[in-house]
Amino acid sequence: MGIVAVAEKAALESKQRALLDSLSGMGGVIVAYSGGADSAYLAWAAHRVLGRRALAVTADSASLPESHKRDAEQFAQAWGIRHEYVHTREFDNADYSKNGPDRCFHCKDELFTRLEEMARDRGIEYVVYGVNMDDLGDYRPGQRAAKLHRVKAPLVEAGLYKAEIRELSRKAGLATWDRPAAACLSSRIPYGTPVTIENVKIVEKGEEALRALGFRQFRVRFHGDLARIEIAPEELPRALNPDMARAFTGIFKPLGFHYVTLDLEGYRQGSLNEILPAQAVR
């Protein structure tokens, strides 16, 4: 191993020690846990140093795919992590359902309100969530909600980036280390189109069908009577053939879409943010 590689390994191990020390010093935490790579690593780290004093909590919400809930449960069971659900009611909030650019703020505001209540009832001082250093450069209104509720961000405090979290997860033997990026189902609905339980469940059915076809990283964007499918660039060649086109049509037209399109730019995070004016994402 070269000098640079040794230095990088030492720096990464130092960040993990800083994370574990920080969590240990909290005494007890509730981890906002979706089951994705970041929150799973944070839940694992909290469990490692706090044991039963760490509680991973997943939102029981229509915007979280059932497959994600199953994955979250399986991971928690595999590692002996305390895991519970909390019911959230963001769809009852008109400011959320109208789906403005600040939708994510209202979602996280609801989640953190419920987690605060749970923490207070359980005598737990801290609520933490899995935002990382890369997230700080993106448009994430949910981070404003975290600041409002004083939710701590241990991965950021340790200076951890997404690739580093994946590497540390891989070294720890966590099955989540290469899990594709995930986001709530409401993120598939363009701003200004009302978010409803009905339309997010339509999206979920479409995405489950794409997963069954063997695709790994994708999104179904809901544009009224049109479905726009984003598939990771490395997987696009498989999607770009007449047989797959017929398969896509066979999936999405029965779900109520009149038109089915494949986005030639492929999957990219935050594609619905691309049309927002610059002042909206500041």
C-alpha atoms as a PDB file:
ATOM      1  CA  MET A   1       0.000   0.000   0.000  1.00  0.00           C
ATOM      2  CA  GLY A   2       1.413   3.384  -1.036  1.00  0.00           C
ATOM      3  CA  ILE A   3       1.982   6.344   1.249  1.00  0.00           C
ATOM      4  CA  VAL A   4      -1.045   8.198  -0.174  1.00  0.00           C
ATOM      5  CA  ALA A   5      -3.317   5.173   0.294  1.00  0.00           C
ATOM      6  CA  VAL A   6      -2.109   4.708   3.868  1.00  0.00           C
ATOM      7  CA  ALA A   7      -2.766   8.371   4.608  1.00  0.00           C
ATOM      8  CA  GLU A   8      -6.261   8.174   3.088  1.00  0.00           C
ATOM      9  CA  LYS A   9      -7.058   5.056   5.108  1.00  0.00           C
ATOM     10  CA  ALA A  10      -5.867   6.723   8.306  1.00  0.00           C
ATOM     11  CA  ALA A  11      -7.907   9.855   7.571  1.00  0.00           C
ATOM     12  CA  LEU A  12     -11.026   7.777   6.963  1.00  0.00           C
ATOM     13  CA  GLU A  13     -10.536   5.793  10.161  1.00  0.00           C
ATOM     14  CA  SER A  14     -10.030   9.062  12.029  1.00  0.00           C
ATOM     15  CA  LYS A  15     -13.368  10.363  10.756  1.00  0.00           C
ATOM     16  CA  GLN A  16     -15.119   7.182  11.878  1.00  0.00           C
ATOM     17  CA  ARG A  17     -13.549   7.450  15.341  1.00  0.00           C
ATOM     18  CA  ALA A  18     -14.735  11.056  15.539  1.00  0.00           C
ATOM     19  CA  LEU A  19     -18.253   9.927  14.622  1.00  0.00           C
ATOM     20  CA  LEU A  20     -18.300   7.125  17.187  1.00  0.00           C
ATOM     21  CA  ASP A  21     -16.903   9.401  19.893  1.00  0.00           C
ATOM     22  CA  SER A  22     -19.525  12.040  19.127  1.00  0.00           C
ATOM     23  CA  LEU A  23     -22.383   9.537  19.300  1.00  0.00           C
ATOM     24  CA  SER A  24     -21.014   7.974  22.474  1.00  0.00           C
ATOM     25  CA  GLY A  25     -20.964  11.389  24.125  1.00  0.00           C
ATOM     26  CA  MET A  26     -24.660  11.907  23.420  1.00  0.00           C
ATOM     27  CA  GLY A  27     -25.682   9.170  25.811  1.00  0.00           C
ATOM     28  CA  GLY A  28     -28.786   8.212  23.845  1.00  0.00           C
ATOM     29  CA  VAL A  29     -30.168   9.046  20.403  1.00  0.00           C
ATOM     30  CA  ILE A  30     -33.103   8.607  18.078  1.00  0.00           C
ATOM     31  CA  VAL A  31     -31.866   8.117  14.524  1.00  0.00           C
ATOM     32  CA  ALA A  32     -34.141   9.271  11.695  1.00  0.00           C
ATOM     33  CA  TYR A  33     -33.789   6.057   9.710  1.00  0.00           C
ATOM     34  CA  SER A  34     -35.011   5.526   6.149  1.00  0.00           C
ATOM     35  CA  GLY A  35     -32.881   2.455   5.474  1.00  0.00           C
ATOM     36  CA  GLY A  36     -30.713   4.176   2.866  1.00  0.00           C
ATOM     37  CA  ALA A  37     -26.924   3.972   2.896  1.00  0.00           C
ATOM     38  CA  ASP A  38     -26.392   7.074   5.046  1.00  0.00           C
ATOM     39  CA  SER A  39     -29.047   6.545   7.700  1.00  0.00           C
ATOM     40  CA  ALA A  40     -28.232   2.822   7.899  1.00  0.00           C
ATOM     41  CA  TYR A  41     -24.566   3.554   8.536  1.00  0.00           C
ATOM     42  CA  LEU A  42     -25.510   6.155  11.152  1.00  0.00           C
ATOM     43  CA  ALA A  43     -27.924   3.722  12.850  1.00  0.00           C
ATOM     44  CA  TRP A  44     -25.229   1.030  12.851  1.00  0.00           C
ATOM     45  CA  ALA A  45     -22.658   3.423  14.310  1.00  0.00           C
ATOM     46  CA  ALA A  46     -25.068   4.603  17.021  1.00  0.00           C
ATOM     47  CA  HIS A  47     -25.930   1.009  17.900  1.00  0.00           C
ATOM     48  CA  ARG A  48     -22.247   0.095  18.028  1.00  0.00           C
ATOM     49  CA  VAL A  49     -21.444   2.637  20.737  1.00  0.00           C
ATOM     50  CA  LEU A  50     -24.799   3.063  22.486  1.00  0.00           C
ATOM     51  CA  GLY A  51     -26.454  -0.333  22.144  1.00  0.00           C
ATOM     52  CA  ARG A  52     -30.042  -0.203  23.431  1.00  0.00           C
ATOM     53  CA  ARG A  53     -29.716   3.533  24.027  1.00  0.00           C
ATOM     54  CA  ALA A  54     -29.863   4.028  20.258  1.00  0.00           C
ATOM     55  CA  LEU A  55     -33.276   3.795  18.588  1.00  0.00           C
ATOM     56  CA  ALA A  56     -33.716   3.850  14.805  1.00  0.00           C
ATOM     57  CA  VAL A  57     -37.103   5.247  13.810  1.00  0.00           C
ATOM     58  CA  THR A  58     -38.652   5.039  10.340  1.00  0.00           C
ATOM     59  CA  ALA A  59     -41.499   7.234   9.152  1.00  0.00           C
ATOM     60  CA  ASP A  60     -44.686   5.271   8.486  1.00  0.00           C
ATOM     61  CA  SER A  61     -45.671   7.386   5.517  1.00  0.00           C
ATOM     62  CA  ALA A  62     -47.235   6.788   2.107  1.00  0.00           C
ATOM     63  CA  SER A  63     -44.255   8.612   0.601  1.00  0.00           C
ATOM     64  CA  LEU A  64     -41.825   5.888   1.743  1.00  0.00           C
ATOM     65  CA  PRO A  65     -41.925   2.858  -0.589  1.00  0.00           C
ATOM     66  CA  GLU A  66     -42.913  -0.415   1.020  1.00  0.00           C
ATOM     67  CA  SER A  67     -39.719  -1.965  -0.354  1.00  0.00           C
ATOM     68  CA  HIS A  68     -37.684   0.602   1.587  1.00  0.00           C
ATOM     69  CA  LYS A  69     -39.553  -0.245   4.768  1.00  0.00           C
ATOM     70  CA  ARG A  70     -38.802  -3.936   4.254  1.00  0.00           C
ATOM     71  CA  ASP A  71     -35.130  -3.169   3.627  1.00  0.00           C
ATOM     72  CA  ALA A  72     -34.979  -0.996   6.756  1.00  0.00           C
ATOM     73  CA  GLU A  73     -36.523  -3.740   8.884  1.00  0.00           C
ATOM     74  CA  GLN A  74     -34.214  -6.433   7.527  1.00  0.00           C
ATOM     75  CA  PHE A  75     -31.089  -4.359   8.099  1.00  0.00           C
ATOM     76  CA  ALA A  76     -32.091  -3.480  11.657  1.00  0.00           C
ATOM     77  CA  GLN A  77     -32.892  -7.107  12.444  1.00  0.00           C
ATOM     78  CA  ALA A  78     -29.620  -8.324  10.959  1.00  0.00           C
ATOM     79  CA  TRP A  79     -27.588  -6.027  13.224  1.00  0.00           C
ATOM     80  CA  GLY A  80     -29.778  -6.165  16.335  1.00  0.00           C
ATOM     81  CA  ILE A  81     -30.626  -2.455  16.080  1.00  0.00           C
ATOM     82  CA  ARG A  82     -33.682  -1.244  18.001  1.00  0.00           C
ATOM     83  CA  HIS A  83     -36.156  -0.171  15.352  1.00  0.00           C
ATOM     84  CA  GLU A  84     -39.625   1.360  15.475  1.00  0.00           C
ATOM     85  CA  TYR A  85     -42.010   3.275  13.236  1.00  0.00           C
ATOM     86  CA  VAL A  86     -43.645   6.627  13.819  1.00  0.00           C
ATOM     87  CA  HIS A  87     -46.775   7.661  11.932  1.00  0.00           C
ATOM     88  CA  THR A  88     -46.393  10.951  10.095  1.00  0.00           C
ATOM     89  CA  ARG A  89     -49.225  13.058   8.685  1.00  0.00           C
ATOM     90  CA  GLU A  90     -47.567  15.307   6.141  1.00  0.00           C
ATOM     91  CA  PHE A  91     -50.296  14.581   3.554  1.00  0.00           C
ATOM     92  CA  ASP A  92     -52.777  16.321   5.879  1.00  0.00           C
ATOM     93  CA  ASN A  93     -50.757  19.542   5.575  1.00  0.00           C
ATOM     94  CA  ALA A  94     -51.915  21.753   2.690  1.00  0.00           C
ATOM     95  CA  ASP A  95     -48.471  23.386   2.521  1.00  0.00           C
ATOM     96  CA  TYR A  96     -47.003  19.953   1.834  1.00  0.00           C
ATOM     97  CA  SER A  97     -49.618  18.604  -0.547  1.00  0.00           C
ATOM     98  CA  LYS A  98     -49.639  21.715  -2.765  1.00  0.00           C
ATOM     99  CA  ASN A  99     -46.051  20.702  -3.603  1.00  0.00           C
ATOM    100  CA  GLY A 100     -44.140  23.952  -3.730  1.00  0.00           C
ATOM    101  CA  PRO A 101     -40.324  24.052  -3.821  1.00  0.00           C
ATOM    102  CA  ASP A 102     -40.350  23.938  -0.008  1.00  0.00           C
ATOM    103  CA  ARG A 103     -42.278  20.641   0.136  1.00  0.00           C
ATOM    104  CA  CYS A 104     -39.331  18.821   1.696  1.00  0.00           C
ATOM    105  CA  PHE A 105     -39.244  21.349   4.535  1.00  0.00           C
ATOM    106  CA  HIS A 106     -42.828  20.507   5.504  1.00  0.00           C
ATOM    107  CA  CYS A 107     -42.129  16.776   5.277  1.00  0.00           C
ATOM    108  CA  LYS A 108     -39.070  16.964   7.524  1.00  0.00           C
ATOM    109  CA  ASP A 109     -40.791  19.438   9.846  1.00  0.00           C
ATOM    110  CA  GLU A 110     -43.515  16.840  10.418  1.00  0.00           C
ATOM    111  CA  LEU A 111     -41.011  13.999  10.867  1.00  0.00           C
ATOM    112  CA  PHE A 112     -38.797  15.890  13.294  1.00  0.00           C
ATOM    113  CA  THR A 113     -41.837  17.067  15.267  1.00  0.00           C
ATOM    114  CA  ARG A 114     -42.880  13.428  15.754  1.00  0.00           C
ATOM    115  CA  LEU A 115     -39.337  12.355  16.616  1.00  0.00           C
ATOM    116  CA  GLU A 116     -39.040  15.194  19.147  1.00  0.00           C
ATOM    117  CA  GLU A 117     -42.239  14.003  20.810  1.00  0.00           C
ATOM    118  CA  MET A 118     -40.945  10.438  20.892  1.00  0.00           C
ATOM    119  CA  ALA A 119     -37.601  11.555  22.312  1.00  0.00           C
ATOM    120  CA  ARG A 120     -39.313  13.598  25.009  1.00  0.00           C
ATOM    121  CA  ASP A 121     -41.579  10.675  25.946  1.00  0.00           C
ATOM    122  CA  ARG A 122     -38.615   8.274  26.098  1.00  0.00           C
ATOM    123  CA  GLY A 123     -36.265  10.616  27.920  1.00  0.00           C
ATOM    124  CA  ILE A 124     -33.834  10.700  24.988  1.00  0.00           C
ATOM    125  CA  GLU A 125     -31.973  13.952  24.557  1.00  0.00           C
ATOM    126  CA  TYR A 126     -30.864  13.861  20.925  1.00  0.00           C
ATOM    127  CA  VAL A 127     -32.419  13.295  17.512  1.00  0.00           C
ATOM    128  CA  VAL A 128     -29.916  12.752  14.686  1.00  0.00           C
ATOM    129  CA  TYR A 129     -30.199  12.313  10.938  1.00  0.00           C
ATOM    130  CA  GLY A 130     -28.014  11.109   8.088  1.00  0.00           C
ATOM    131  CA  VAL A 131     -27.215  14.214   6.061  1.00  0.00           C
ATOM    132  CA  ASN A 132     -23.611  14.127   4.771  1.00  0.00           C
ATOM    133  CA  MET A 133     -21.103  16.628   3.421  1.00  0.00           C
ATOM    134  CA  ASP A 134     -22.196  16.172  -0.200  1.00  0.00           C
ATOM    135  CA  ASP A 135     -25.772  17.079   0.708  1.00  0.00           C
ATOM    136  CA  LEU A 136     -24.688  20.536   1.860  1.00  0.00           C
ATOM    137  CA  GLY A 137     -24.124  21.626  -1.727  1.00  0.00           C
ATOM    138  CA  ASP A 138     -27.585  20.586  -2.971  1.00  0.00           C
ATOM    139  CA  TYR A 139     -31.001  22.206  -2.632  1.00  0.00           C
ATOM    140  CA  ARG A 140     -32.324  20.482   0.497  1.00  0.00           C
ATOM    141  CA  PRO A 141     -35.109  22.409   2.288  1.00  0.00           C
ATOM    142  CA  GLY A 142     -35.253  19.587   4.830  1.00  0.00           C
ATOM    143  CA  GLN A 143     -31.980  20.825   6.280  1.00  0.00           C
ATOM    144  CA  ARG A 144     -33.771  24.025   7.306  1.00  0.00           C
ATOM    145  CA  ALA A 145     -36.281  21.925   9.239  1.00  0.00           C
ATOM    146  CA  ALA A 146     -33.423  20.074  10.932  1.00  0.00           C
ATOM    147  CA  LYS A 147     -31.926  23.364  12.112  1.00  0.00           C
ATOM    148  CA  LEU A 148     -35.319  24.553  13.338  1.00  0.00           C
ATOM    149  CA  HIS A 149     -35.715  21.406  15.454  1.00  0.00           C
ATOM    150  CA  ARG A 150     -32.039  21.292  16.477  1.00  0.00           C
ATOM    151  CA  VAL A 151     -31.579  17.865  14.957  1.00  0.00           C
ATOM    152  CA  LYS A 152     -27.916  16.943  14.937  1.00  0.00           C
ATOM    153  CA  ALA A 153     -25.980  15.826  11.855  1.00  0.00           C
ATOM    154  CA  PRO A 154     -23.139  13.585  13.133  1.00  0.00           C
ATOM    155  CA  LEU A 155     -21.957  12.566   9.652  1.00  0.00           C
ATOM    156  CA  VAL A 156     -21.428  16.214   8.735  1.00  0.00           C
ATOM    157  CA  GLU A 157     -19.749  16.931  12.063  1.00  0.00           C
ATOM    158  CA  ALA A 158     -17.311  14.086  11.311  1.00  0.00           C
ATOM    159  CA  GLY A 159     -16.681  15.519   7.816  1.00  0.00           C
ATOM    160  CA  LEU A 160     -17.936  12.403   6.030  1.00  0.00           C
ATOM    161  CA  TYR A 161     -18.768  12.412   2.335  1.00  0.00           C
ATOM    162  CA  LYS A 162     -21.047   9.920   0.564  1.00  0.00           C
ATOM    163  CA  ALA A 163     -18.215   7.898  -0.960  1.00  0.00           C
ATOM    164  CA  GLU A 164     -16.528   7.658   2.448  1.00  0.00           C
ATOM    165  CA  ILE A 165     -19.741   6.453   4.083  1.00  0.00           C
ATOM    166  CA  ARG A 166     -20.049   3.784   1.415  1.00  0.00           C
ATOM    167  CA  GLU A 167     -16.447   2.678   1.956  1.00  0.00           C
ATOM    168  CA  LEU A 168     -16.796   2.538   5.736  1.00  0.00           C
ATOM    169  CA  SER A 169     -20.066   0.631   5.318  1.00  0.00           C
ATOM    170  CA  ARG A 170     -18.365  -1.831   2.977  1.00  0.00           C
ATOM    171  CA  LYS A 171     -15.520  -2.393   5.433  1.00  0.00           C
ATOM    172  CA  ALA A 172     -18.056  -2.977   8.219  1.00  0.00           C
ATOM    173  CA  GLY A 173     -19.879  -5.572   6.135  1.00  0.00           C
ATOM    174  CA  LEU A 174     -23.073  -3.537   5.805  1.00  0.00           C
ATOM    175  CA  ALA A 175     -25.278  -4.684   2.932  1.00  0.00           C
ATOM    176  CA  THR A 176     -26.312  -1.070   2.383  1.00  0.00           C
ATOM    177  CA  TRP A 177     -22.851   0.061   1.277  1.00  0.00           C
ATOM    178  CA  ASP A 178     -23.751   0.136  -2.440  1.00  0.00           C
ATOM    179  CA  ARG A 179     -27.493   0.728  -2.128  1.00  0.00           C
ATOM    180  CA  PRO A 180     -28.645   3.147  -4.848  1.00  0.00           C
ATOM    181  CA  ALA A 181     -29.528   6.678  -3.833  1.00  0.00           C
ATOM    182  CA  ALA A 182     -33.101   6.882  -2.595  1.00  0.00           C
ATOM    183  CA  ALA A 183     -35.633   9.614  -2.006  1.00  0.00           C
ATOM    184  CA  CYS A 184     -39.275   9.783  -0.968  1.00  0.00           C
ATOM    185  CA  LEU A 185     -41.904   9.067  -3.604  1.00  0.00           C
ATOM    186  CA  SER A 186     -43.194  12.643  -3.468  1.00  0.00           C
ATOM    187  CA  SER A 187     -39.911  13.764  -5.043  1.00  0.00           C
ATOM    188  CA  ARG A 188     -41.158  12.206  -8.304  1.00  0.00           C
ATOM    189  CA  ILE A 189     -44.007  14.730  -8.591  1.00  0.00           C
ATOM    190  CA  PRO A 190     -43.094  18.063 -10.298  1.00  0.00           C
ATOM    191  CA  TYR A 191     -43.398  21.182  -8.166  1.00  0.00           C
ATOM    192  CA  GLY A 192     -46.861  22.698  -8.499  1.00  0.00           C
ATOM    193  CA  THR A 193     -48.573  19.368  -9.158  1.00  0.00           C
ATOM    194  CA  PRO A 194     -50.407  18.410  -5.963  1.00  0.00           C
ATOM    195  CA  VAL A 195     -48.923  15.466  -4.097  1.00  0.00           C
ATOM    196  CA  THR A 196     -51.511  12.875  -3.154  1.00  0.00           C
ATOM    197  CA  ILE A 197     -51.347   9.381  -1.709  1.00  0.00           C
ATOM    198  CA  GLU A 198     -52.917   8.175  -4.955  1.00  0.00           C
ATOM    199  CA  ASN A 199     -50.275   9.575  -7.301  1.00  0.00           C
ATOM    200  CA  VAL A 200     -47.303   8.519  -5.174  1.00  0.00           C
ATOM    201  CA  LYS A 201     -48.699   4.980  -5.022  1.00  0.00           C
ATOM    202  CA  ILE A 202     -48.986   4.950  -8.825  1.00  0.00           C
ATOM    203  CA  VAL A 203     -45.311   5.930  -8.989  1.00  0.00           C
ATOM    204  CA  GLU A 204     -44.437   3.221  -6.488  1.00  0.00           C
ATOM    205  CA  LYS A 205     -46.156   0.531  -8.570  1.00  0.00           C
ATOM    206  CA  GLY A 206     -44.279   1.668 -11.667  1.00  0.00           C
ATOM    207  CA  GLU A 207     -40.923   1.674  -9.903  1.00  0.00           C
ATOM    208  CA  GLU A 208     -41.521  -1.764  -8.404  1.00  0.00           C
ATOM    209  CA  ALA A 209     -42.180  -3.044 -11.925  1.00  0.00           C
ATOM    210  CA  LEU A 210     -38.927  -1.499 -13.205  1.00  0.00           C
ATOM    211  CA  ARG A 211     -37.083  -3.138 -10.313  1.00  0.00           C
ATOM    212  CA  ALA A 212     -38.631  -6.469 -11.291  1.00  0.00           C
ATOM    213  CA  LEU A 213     -37.201  -5.977 -14.805  1.00  0.00           C
ATOM    214  CA  GLY A 214     -33.734  -5.851 -13.228  1.00  0.00           C
ATOM    215  CA  PHE A 215     -33.019  -2.123 -13.353  1.00  0.00           C
ATOM    216  CA  ARG A 216     -31.098  -0.811 -10.365  1.00  0.00           C
ATOM    217  CA  GLN A 217     -31.002   3.005 -10.394  1.00  0.00           C
ATOM    218  CA  PHE A 218     -34.022   4.822 -11.799  1.00  0.00           C
ATOM    219  CA  ARG A 219     -36.875   7.221 -11.146  1.00  0.00           C
ATOM    220  CA  VAL A 220     -40.418   7.495 -12.483  1.00  0.00           C
ATOM    221  CA  ARG A 221     -41.358  11.152 -12.818  1.00  0.00           C
ATOM    222  CA  PHE A 222     -45.107  11.819 -12.732  1.00  0.00           C
ATOM    223  CA  HIS A 223     -46.285  14.427 -15.260  1.00  0.00           C
ATOM    224  CA  GLY A 224     -50.060  13.993 -15.184  1.00  0.00           C
ATOM    225  CA  ASP A 225     -50.938  11.651 -18.049  1.00  0.00           C
ATOM    226  CA  LEU A 226     -47.248  11.262 -18.984  1.00  0.00           C
ATOM    227  CA  ALA A 227     -44.684   9.052 -17.239  1.00  0.00           C
ATOM    228  CA  ARG A 228     -41.048  10.106 -17.694  1.00  0.00           C
ATOM    229  CA  ILE A 229     -38.642   7.294 -16.878  1.00  0.00           C
ATOM    230  CA  GLU A 230     -35.080   8.134 -15.823  1.00  0.00           C
ATOM    231  CA  ILE A 231     -32.614   5.238 -15.857  1.00  0.00           C
ATOM    232  CA  ALA A 232     -28.945   5.431 -14.878  1.00  0.00           C
ATOM    233  CA  PRO A 233     -26.708   6.137 -17.915  1.00  0.00           C
ATOM    234  CA  GLU A 234     -24.855   2.848 -17.537  1.00  0.00           C
ATOM    235  CA  GLU A 235     -28.190   0.996 -17.715  1.00  0.00           C
ATOM    236  CA  LEU A 236     -29.666   3.024 -20.581  1.00  0.00           C
ATOM    237  CA  PRO A 237     -28.420   0.760 -23.411  1.00  0.00           C
ATOM    238  CA  ARG A 238     -30.580  -2.049 -22.047  1.00  0.00           C
ATOM    239  CA  ALA A 239     -33.585   0.261 -21.953  1.00  0.00           C
ATOM    240  CA  LEU A 240     -33.108   1.591 -25.486  1.00  0.00           C
ATOM    241  CA  ASN A 241     -34.602  -1.226 -27.530  1.00  0.00           C
ATOM    242  CA  PRO A 242     -38.069  -1.984 -28.941  1.00  0.00           C
ATOM    243  CA  ASP A 243     -38.715  -4.952 -26.648  1.00  0.00           C
ATOM    244  CA  MET A 244     -38.073  -2.875 -23.539  1.00  0.00           C
ATOM    245  CA  ALA A 245     -40.175  -0.049 -24.955  1.00  0.00           C
ATOM    246  CA  ARG A 246     -43.093  -2.454 -25.208  1.00  0.00           C
ATOM    247  CA  ALA A 247     -42.445  -3.640 -21.658  1.00  0.00           C
ATOM    248  CA  PHE A 248     -42.486  -0.053 -20.364  1.00  0.00           C
ATOM    249  CA  THR A 249     -45.743   0.656 -22.194  1.00  0.00           C
ATOM    250  CA  GLY A 250     -47.247  -2.519 -20.768  1.00  0.00           C
ATOM    251  CA  ILE A 251     -46.364  -1.364 -17.265  1.00  0.00           C
ATOM    252  CA  PHE A 252     -47.361   2.277 -17.322  1.00  0.00           C
ATOM    253  CA  LYS A 253     -50.455   2.497 -19.516  1.00  0.00           C
ATOM    254  CA  PRO A 254     -52.465   0.207 -17.206  1.00  0.00           C
ATOM    255  CA  LEU A 255     -51.460   2.552 -14.354  1.00  0.00           C
ATOM    256  CA  GLY A 256     -53.368   5.353 -16.095  1.00  0.00           C
ATOM    257  CA  PHE A 257     -50.639   7.106 -18.097  1.00  0.00           C
ATOM    258  CA  HIS A 258     -51.518   7.998 -21.688  1.00  0.00           C
ATOM    259  CA  TYR A 259     -47.897   8.543 -22.705  1.00  0.00           C
ATOM    260  CA  VAL A 260     -44.697   6.785 -21.670  1.00  0.00           C
ATOM    261  CA  THR A 261     -41.302   8.430 -22.265  1.00  0.00           C
ATOM    262  CA  LEU A 262     -37.676   7.548 -21.568  1.00  0.00           C
ATOM    263  CA  ASP A 263     -35.488  10.502 -20.540  1.00  0.00           C
ATOM    264  CA  LEU A 264     -32.383  10.420 -22.744  1.00  0.00           C
ATOM    265  CA  GLU A 265     -30.300  12.266 -20.124  1.00  0.00           C
ATOM    266  CA  GLY A 266     -30.816   9.325 -17.808  1.00  0.00           C
ATOM    267  CA  TYR A 267     -31.216   9.309 -14.057  1.00  0.00           C
ATOM    268  CA  ARG A 268     -29.794  12.215 -12.057  1.00  0.00           C
ATOM    269  CA  GLN A 269     -30.603  13.351  -8.556  1.00  0.00           C
ATOM    270  CA  GLY A 270     -32.791  16.409  -8.260  1.00  0.00           C
ATOM    271  CA  SER A 271     -33.798  16.583 -11.916  1.00  0.00           C
ATOM    272  CA  LEU A 272     -37.042  18.316 -10.953  1.00  0.00           C
ATOM    273  CA  ASN A 273     -34.973  21.090  -9.373  1.00  0.00           C
ATOM    274  CA  GLU A 274     -33.497  21.937 -12.777  1.00  0.00           C
ATOM    275  CA  ILE A 275     -36.459  24.102 -13.738  1.00  0.00           C
ATOM    276  CA  LEU A 276     -36.554  26.088 -10.494  1.00  0.00           C
ATOM    277  CA  PRO A 277     -35.480  29.728 -10.738  1.00  0.00           C
ATOM    278  CA  ALA A 278     -32.129  30.403  -9.061  1.00  0.00           C
ATOM    279  CA  GLN A 279     -33.698  32.417  -6.235  1.00  0.00           C
ATOM    280  CA  ALA A 280     -35.902  29.469  -5.211  1.00  0.00           C
ATOM    281  CA  VAL A 281     -32.932  27.223  -4.377  1.00  0.00           C
ATOM    282  CA  ARG A 282     -30.946  29.648  -2.268  1.00  0.00           C
END
